[in-house]
Amino acid sequence: MLLIILNCIFCLAFLGFAYVNLNDIDAALWVTIYMVAAGCCGLFVFRLYYPLVYLIAIAFYLVYAIILFFTKDGVRDWLMKYNRPSIVETMQAEKPYIEKTREFFGLLIVAGALAIDYVAISVGIFAL
């Protein structure tokens, strides 16, 4: 039951994340990322599981997160070069590292949510 509630929350959150990315320059990429995650979480609620889709999505999200970590003005630069200033003061990405750092953490959230579901499917834990 806990996983069902958690997936309802994830699904609604990812739908909201997709919505707020509609006006972004790279909207097609980010709306797709969040809609795939929302779809997986929504289908989980109805006990429809596609483990291969989970693995492919998790792999894509983690590879893309690694790219964002090491890219110029990415997460590594935010940590080392810029000394971790706030990335949530305003919604506008005024500094070059803000957008990539936010995207990095968004990918980790999505990958984590799908990993929870994948492990639950693999182990057979559906009653939690």
Protein backbone atom coordinates (compact mmCIF):
# COMPACT_ATOMS: atom_id res chain seq x y z
CA MET A 1 0.00 0.00 0.00
CA LEU A 2 2.88 2.36 0.80
CA LEU A 3 4.34 1.88 -2.68
CA ILE A 4 0.98 2.65 -4.27
CA ILE A 5 0.69 5.92 -2.33
CA LEU A 6 4.31 6.81 -3.07
CA ASN A 7 3.79 6.16 -6.78
CA CYS A 8 0.66 8.30 -6.83
CA ILE A 9 2.70 11.14 -5.33
CA PHE A 10 5.57 10.55 -7.78
CA CYS A 11 3.19 10.42 -10.74
CA LEU A 12 1.50 13.71 -9.82
CA ALA A 13 4.85 15.38 -9.07
CA PHE A 14 6.37 14.28 -12.38
CA LEU A 15 3.30 15.47 -14.27
CA GLY A 16 3.75 18.84 -12.57
CA PHE A 17 7.45 18.88 -13.42
CA ALA A 18 6.61 18.15 -17.05
CA TYR A 19 4.08 20.98 -17.07
CA VAL A 20 6.49 23.60 -15.76
CA ASN A 21 9.04 22.55 -18.41
CA LEU A 22 6.65 23.21 -21.30
CA ASN A 23 8.00 26.74 -21.85
CA ASP A 24 11.66 25.73 -21.64
CA ILE A 25 14.01 25.83 -24.62
CA ASP A 26 14.63 22.09 -24.35
CA ALA A 27 11.01 21.29 -23.49
CA ALA A 28 10.79 18.23 -25.74
CA LEU A 29 13.59 16.50 -23.84
CA TRP A 30 12.45 17.39 -20.32
CA VAL A 31 8.74 16.87 -20.85
CA THR A 32 9.56 13.43 -22.28
CA ILE A 33 11.85 12.61 -19.33
CA TYR A 34 9.19 13.50 -16.78
CA MET A 35 6.29 11.97 -18.72
CA VAL A 36 8.08 8.61 -19.02
CA ALA A 37 8.66 8.65 -15.27
CA ALA A 38 5.06 9.72 -14.58
CA GLY A 39 3.79 6.98 -16.88
CA CYS A 40 5.87 4.31 -15.18
CA CYS A 41 4.75 5.43 -11.73
CA GLY A 42 1.12 5.71 -12.83
CA LEU A 43 1.13 2.25 -14.36
CA PHE A 44 2.73 0.86 -11.20
CA VAL A 45 -0.37 1.98 -9.27
CA PHE A 46 -2.46 -0.27 -11.52
CA ARG A 47 0.05 -3.13 -11.17
CA LEU A 48 1.29 -2.82 -14.75
CA TYR A 49 5.06 -3.25 -14.79
CA TYR A 50 7.58 -3.03 -17.61
CA PRO A 51 10.99 -3.80 -16.05
CA LEU A 52 12.90 -3.26 -19.30
CA VAL A 53 11.43 0.23 -19.63
CA TYR A 54 12.52 0.98 -16.07
CA LEU A 55 16.07 -0.19 -16.76
CA ILE A 56 16.38 1.76 -20.01
CA ALA A 57 14.98 4.93 -18.42
CA ILE A 58 17.16 4.63 -15.31
CA ALA A 59 20.26 4.06 -17.45
CA PHE A 60 19.47 7.07 -19.66
CA TYR A 61 18.79 9.31 -16.65
CA LEU A 62 21.99 8.30 -14.87
CA VAL A 63 24.18 8.67 -17.97
CA TYR A 64 22.68 12.09 -18.65
CA ALA A 65 23.22 13.04 -14.98
CA ILE A 66 26.89 12.05 -15.25
CA ILE A 67 27.22 14.20 -18.37
CA LEU A 68 25.66 17.16 -16.54
CA PHE A 69 27.97 16.58 -13.59
CA PHE A 70 31.17 16.85 -15.64
CA THR A 71 30.15 19.35 -18.32
CA LYS A 72 31.47 22.92 -18.30
CA ASP A 73 29.52 24.97 -15.73
CA GLY A 74 27.90 21.75 -14.55
CA VAL A 75 27.52 20.30 -11.09
CA ARG A 76 31.24 19.75 -10.53
CA ASP A 77 31.92 23.43 -11.31
CA TRP A 78 29.03 24.45 -9.05
CA LEU A 79 30.65 22.47 -6.23
CA MET A 80 34.31 23.34 -6.79
CA LYS A 81 34.55 26.55 -8.82
CA TYR A 82 31.51 28.45 -7.55
CA ASN A 83 31.52 27.07 -3.95
CA ARG A 84 27.88 25.85 -3.97
CA PRO A 85 25.83 29.04 -3.98
CA SER A 86 22.05 28.63 -3.77
CA ILE A 87 20.40 27.31 -6.91
CA VAL A 88 16.86 27.99 -5.65
CA GLU A 89 16.84 31.72 -4.86
CA THR A 90 14.95 32.59 -8.03
CA MET A 91 13.31 30.54 -10.75
CA GLN A 92 15.42 32.31 -13.41
CA ALA A 93 18.70 30.60 -14.16
CA GLU A 94 20.86 33.72 -14.10
CA LYS A 95 24.16 31.91 -13.59
CA PRO A 96 25.48 29.31 -16.05
CA TYR A 97 25.64 26.47 -13.51
CA ILE A 98 22.09 26.80 -12.15
CA GLU A 99 20.21 25.12 -15.00
CA LYS A 100 22.57 22.16 -15.27
CA THR A 101 22.66 21.63 -11.51
CA ARG A 102 18.87 21.69 -11.24
CA GLU A 103 18.57 19.29 -14.16
CA PHE A 104 21.13 16.97 -12.52
CA PHE A 105 19.15 16.73 -9.30
CA GLY A 106 15.89 16.28 -11.24
CA LEU A 107 17.43 13.31 -13.04
CA LEU A 108 18.55 11.80 -9.73
CA ILE A 109 15.02 12.16 -8.32
CA VAL A 110 13.46 10.50 -11.36
CA ALA A 111 16.06 7.71 -11.45
CA GLY A 112 15.59 7.12 -7.72
CA ALA A 113 11.82 6.86 -8.02
CA LEU A 114 12.08 4.38 -10.88
CA ALA A 115 14.78 2.42 -9.04
CA ILE A 116 12.47 2.01 -6.04
CA ASP A 117 9.80 0.59 -8.33
CA TYR A 118 12.25 -1.64 -10.18
CA VAL A 119 13.57 -3.13 -6.95
CA ALA A 120 10.02 -3.66 -5.69
CA ILE A 121 9.11 -5.43 -8.92
CA SER A 122 12.28 -7.54 -8.90
CA VAL A 123 11.94 -8.59 -5.28
CA GLY A 124 8.18 -8.99 -5.51
CA ILE A 125 7.32 -6.50 -2.77
CA PHE A 126 3.90 -5.12 -3.60
CA ALA A 127 2.14 -5.26 -0.25
CA LEU A 128 4.15 -2.44 1.39
